[in-house]
Protein backbone atom coordinates (compact mmCIF):
# COMPACT_ATOMS: atom_id res chain seq x y z
CA MET A 1 20.81 -17.64 0.86
CA ALA A 2 18.78 -15.81 -1.76
CA VAL A 3 15.33 -15.02 -3.10
CA THR A 4 14.78 -17.24 -6.14
CA LEU A 5 12.24 -17.95 -8.86
CA THR A 6 11.05 -21.21 -10.30
CA GLU A 7 11.36 -21.53 -14.05
CA LYS A 8 7.59 -20.98 -14.43
CA ALA A 9 7.72 -17.77 -12.39
CA ALA A 10 10.69 -16.49 -14.38
CA GLN A 11 8.90 -17.18 -17.68
CA HIS A 12 5.75 -15.39 -16.46
CA ILE A 13 7.75 -12.35 -15.31
CA GLN A 14 9.73 -12.22 -18.55
CA ARG A 15 6.50 -12.36 -20.61
CA ASN A 16 5.07 -9.45 -18.62
CA ILE A 17 8.23 -7.39 -18.97
CA THR A 18 8.09 -8.00 -22.73
CA LYS A 19 4.40 -6.96 -22.82
CA ARG A 20 5.19 -3.80 -20.83
CA GLY A 21 8.00 -2.96 -23.24
CA LYS A 22 10.35 -2.11 -20.38
CA GLY A 23 11.66 -3.42 -17.09
CA LEU A 24 14.80 -4.74 -15.45
CA GLY A 25 13.18 -7.43 -13.32
CA LEU A 26 10.90 -7.90 -10.32
CA ARG A 27 11.17 -6.31 -6.87
CA VAL A 28 10.09 -8.56 -4.01
CA GLY A 29 9.57 -7.19 -0.53
CA VAL A 30 7.31 -7.08 2.50
CA ARG A 31 5.07 -4.47 4.05
CA THR A 32 3.16 -4.30 7.32
CA SER A 33 -0.37 -5.53 6.66
CA GLY A 34 -3.14 -7.96 7.51
CA CYS A 35 -3.97 -9.92 10.59
CA SER A 36 -0.67 -11.83 10.68
CA GLY A 37 1.58 -8.79 10.44
CA MET A 38 3.28 -8.76 7.01
CA ALA A 39 2.31 -9.11 3.38
CA TYR A 40 4.43 -9.69 0.31
CA LYS A 41 4.71 -6.91 -2.24
CA LEU A 42 5.72 -7.29 -5.86
CA GLU A 43 6.45 -4.66 -8.46
CA TYR A 44 8.27 -4.46 -11.74
CA VAL A 45 11.57 -2.61 -11.62
CA ASP A 46 12.21 0.04 -14.25
CA GLU A 47 15.05 1.67 -12.34
CA ALA A 48 17.19 -0.07 -9.73
CA ASP A 49 17.76 1.46 -6.31
CA GLN A 50 21.39 1.64 -5.25
CA HIS A 51 20.57 -0.25 -2.04
CA ASP A 52 18.80 -3.16 -3.74
CA ILE A 53 20.24 -6.64 -3.40
CA VAL A 54 20.00 -8.35 -6.78
CA TYR A 55 19.62 -12.08 -7.43
CA GLU A 56 19.03 -13.82 -10.75
CA SER A 57 16.98 -16.91 -11.58
CA PHE A 58 16.53 -18.30 -15.09
CA GLY A 59 17.72 -15.02 -16.60
CA VAL A 60 15.33 -12.81 -14.59
CA LYS A 61 16.66 -10.37 -11.98
CA VAL A 62 15.03 -10.28 -8.56
CA TYR A 63 15.51 -7.05 -6.58
CA VAL A 64 15.15 -7.07 -2.79
CA ASP A 65 15.39 -4.07 -0.48
CA PRO A 66 17.72 -4.68 2.50
CA LYS A 67 14.92 -4.09 5.05
CA SER A 68 12.80 -6.91 3.58
CA LEU A 69 15.60 -9.43 3.18
CA PRO A 70 15.62 -10.75 6.79
CA TYR A 71 11.94 -11.73 6.37
CA ILE A 72 12.17 -13.34 2.93
CA ASP A 73 15.72 -14.68 2.64
CA GLY A 74 15.51 -18.22 1.30
CA THR A 75 12.10 -17.67 -0.31
CA GLN A 76 11.27 -19.26 -3.65
CA LEU A 77 8.61 -17.61 -5.77
CA ASP A 78 6.53 -19.83 -8.05
CA PHE A 79 3.75 -19.05 -10.51
CA VAL A 80 0.86 -21.49 -10.23
CA ARG A 81 -2.46 -22.12 -11.93
CA GLU A 82 -5.17 -23.78 -9.87
CA GLY A 83 -8.41 -24.16 -11.80
CA LEU A 84 -9.38 -20.71 -13.05
CA ASN A 85 -7.04 -18.94 -10.63
CA GLU A 86 -3.41 -18.12 -11.22
CA GLY A 87 -0.83 -16.20 -9.26
CA PHE A 88 2.43 -16.18 -7.41
CA LYS A 89 3.00 -18.58 -4.54
CA PHE A 90 5.69 -17.95 -1.94
CA ALA A 91 7.65 -20.77 -0.32
CA ASN A 92 9.23 -18.92 2.60
CA PRO A 93 11.15 -21.10 5.09
CA LYS A 94 10.96 -18.30 7.68
CA GLU A 95 7.15 -18.13 7.62
CA LYS A 96 5.74 -19.35 10.93
CA ALA A 97 2.05 -18.58 10.40
CA SER A 98 -0.30 -17.08 7.85
CA CYS A 99 -3.82 -15.75 8.02
CA GLY A 100 -6.76 -17.78 6.77
CA CYS A 101 -7.21 -15.70 3.62
CA GLY A 102 -3.52 -16.07 2.70
CA GLU A 103 -3.00 -12.30 2.51
CA SER A 104 -0.49 -11.97 5.34
CA PHE A 105 2.12 -13.94 7.26
CA SER A 106 4.39 -13.78 10.30
CA VAL A 107 7.95 -14.93 10.94
């Protein structure tokens, strides 16, 4: 399996990398947080870690640390606009529950 991006997410990430003037791609991972146990974390990658697992979607590289992969393998990241709000939306097949505010999840 892999961690993938929709075309919209890839375009959004590429635009931000261009605005920043640097970047290799996006790192996707998890951290302990919230009432459900884990939260997604995103950051732009300027320097790859030797342990990163790298996937590519629509020309954008997605970096995943090996410790996060068991929790997010198979996840697709989309970029959505709903009314005045916009942001990334995670479609994680391993997600069993999430908190009411949408900040955290459990597998």
